[in-house]
Protein backbone atom coordinates (compact mmCIF):
# COMPACT_ATOMS: atom_id res chain seq x y z
CA UNK A 1 -3.81 -35.85 -12.44
CA UNK A 2 -0.83 -34.66 -10.36
CA UNK A 3 0.55 -32.81 -13.38
CA UNK A 4 -2.73 -30.89 -13.74
CA UNK A 5 -2.65 -29.89 -10.08
CA UNK A 6 0.96 -28.71 -10.38
CA UNK A 7 0.19 -26.74 -13.54
CA UNK A 8 -2.90 -25.21 -11.89
CA UNK A 9 -0.93 -24.14 -8.82
CA UNK A 10 1.82 -22.70 -11.03
CA UNK A 11 -0.71 -20.67 -13.03
CA UNK A 12 -2.39 -19.38 -9.87
CA UNK A 13 0.93 -18.36 -8.30
CA UNK A 14 2.00 -16.63 -11.52
CA UNK A 15 -1.26 -14.66 -11.65
CA UNK A 16 -0.93 -13.71 -7.95
CA UNK A 17 2.65 -12.47 -8.40
CA UNK A 18 1.69 -10.45 -11.47
CA UNK A 19 -1.32 -8.92 -9.67
CA UNK A 20 0.75 -7.94 -6.63
CA UNK A 21 3.37 -6.36 -8.89
CA UNK A 22 0.70 -4.28 -10.62
CA UNK A 23 -0.76 -3.13 -7.32
CA UNK A 24 2.63 -1.96 -6.07
CA UNK A 25 3.13 0.31 -9.08
CA UNK A 26 -0.06 2.21 -8.25
CA UNK A 27 0.82 2.97 -4.61
CA UNK A 28 0.73 6.63 -3.64
CA UNK A 29 4.22 7.82 -2.76
CA UNK A 30 3.15 11.05 -1.05
CA UNK A 31 0.12 13.02 0.05
CA UNK A 32 1.65 16.47 0.65
CA UNK A 33 4.88 18.24 -0.25
CA UNK A 34 6.06 17.68 3.34
CA UNK A 35 6.31 13.96 2.49
CA UNK A 36 9.04 14.69 -0.09
CA UNK A 37 12.75 15.46 0.39
CA UNK A 38 15.81 15.70 -1.90
CA UNK A 39 17.06 12.28 -3.04
CA UNK A 40 20.74 13.31 -3.05
CA UNK A 41 22.79 15.02 -0.35
CA UNK A 42 24.68 17.32 -2.72
CA UNK A 43 23.29 19.18 -5.73
CA UNK A 44 19.94 17.31 -5.63
CA UNK A 45 18.02 16.76 -8.83
CA UNK A 46 15.37 14.27 -7.64
CA UNK A 47 13.02 13.83 -4.71
CA UNK A 48 11.94 10.80 -2.67
CA UNK A 49 9.53 10.06 0.17
CA UNK A 50 10.94 11.23 3.49
CA UNK A 51 11.21 7.60 4.64
CA UNK A 52 13.79 7.06 1.86
CA UNK A 53 15.82 10.20 2.58
CA UNK A 54 19.57 9.72 2.20
CA UNK A 55 21.76 9.83 5.30
CA UNK A 56 23.78 13.02 4.78
CA UNK A 57 25.65 12.82 8.08
CA UNK A 58 29.34 13.58 7.53
CA UNK A 59 28.70 14.54 3.88
CA UNK A 60 30.32 17.78 2.77
CA UNK A 61 29.07 19.51 -0.38
CA UNK A 62 30.53 22.36 -2.37
CA UNK A 63 28.80 25.68 -1.91
CA UNK A 64 28.41 26.32 -5.63
CA UNK A 65 24.99 26.82 -7.19
CA UNK A 66 24.96 24.05 -9.79
CA UNK A 67 22.46 24.73 -12.61
CA UNK A 68 19.71 22.14 -13.01
CA UNK A 69 19.69 21.28 -9.29
CA UNK A 70 17.79 22.47 -6.25
CA UNK A 71 20.91 24.38 -5.08
CA UNK A 72 20.52 27.97 -3.90
CA UNK A 73 16.73 27.95 -4.08
CA UNK A 74 16.59 26.96 -7.76
CA UNK A 75 14.07 24.27 -6.97
CA UNK A 76 12.11 22.33 -4.39
CA UNK A 77 10.40 19.01 -3.79
CA UNK A 78 6.65 18.74 -4.31
CA UNK A 79 4.02 16.02 -4.23
CA UNK A 80 2.25 15.93 -7.58
CA UNK A 81 -0.44 13.30 -8.21
CA UNK A 82 1.01 11.12 -5.42
CA UNK A 83 4.62 11.26 -6.68
CA UNK A 84 7.57 13.14 -5.19
CA UNK A 85 8.99 15.35 -7.94
CA UNK A 86 11.74 17.96 -8.13
CA UNK A 87 10.54 21.31 -9.43
CA UNK A 88 13.67 23.03 -10.80
CA UNK A 89 14.00 26.44 -12.44
CA UNK A 90 15.89 26.30 -15.71
CA UNK A 91 18.14 29.25 -14.89
CA UNK A 92 19.93 30.95 -12.00
CA UNK A 93 18.90 34.52 -11.29
């Protein structure tokens, strides 16, 4: 009888953990583009929610316009379908 109770509790806990994990993957990361910022201090290629913004204090970056980054106005962060995404032009004008 005790073995059945232990097995039942184990199964219930496993299902609960799996369910919580699935719910977390469907959370909305952003609502507007103002919620999103570059994920890297220098030559950013990705975006994250503003609450996860990197601390760029005392970070010095080169002033070059690196292709494929948001440098020099080549791109920006946007909120698309609840996800912070980098929108990057494929060329430098």
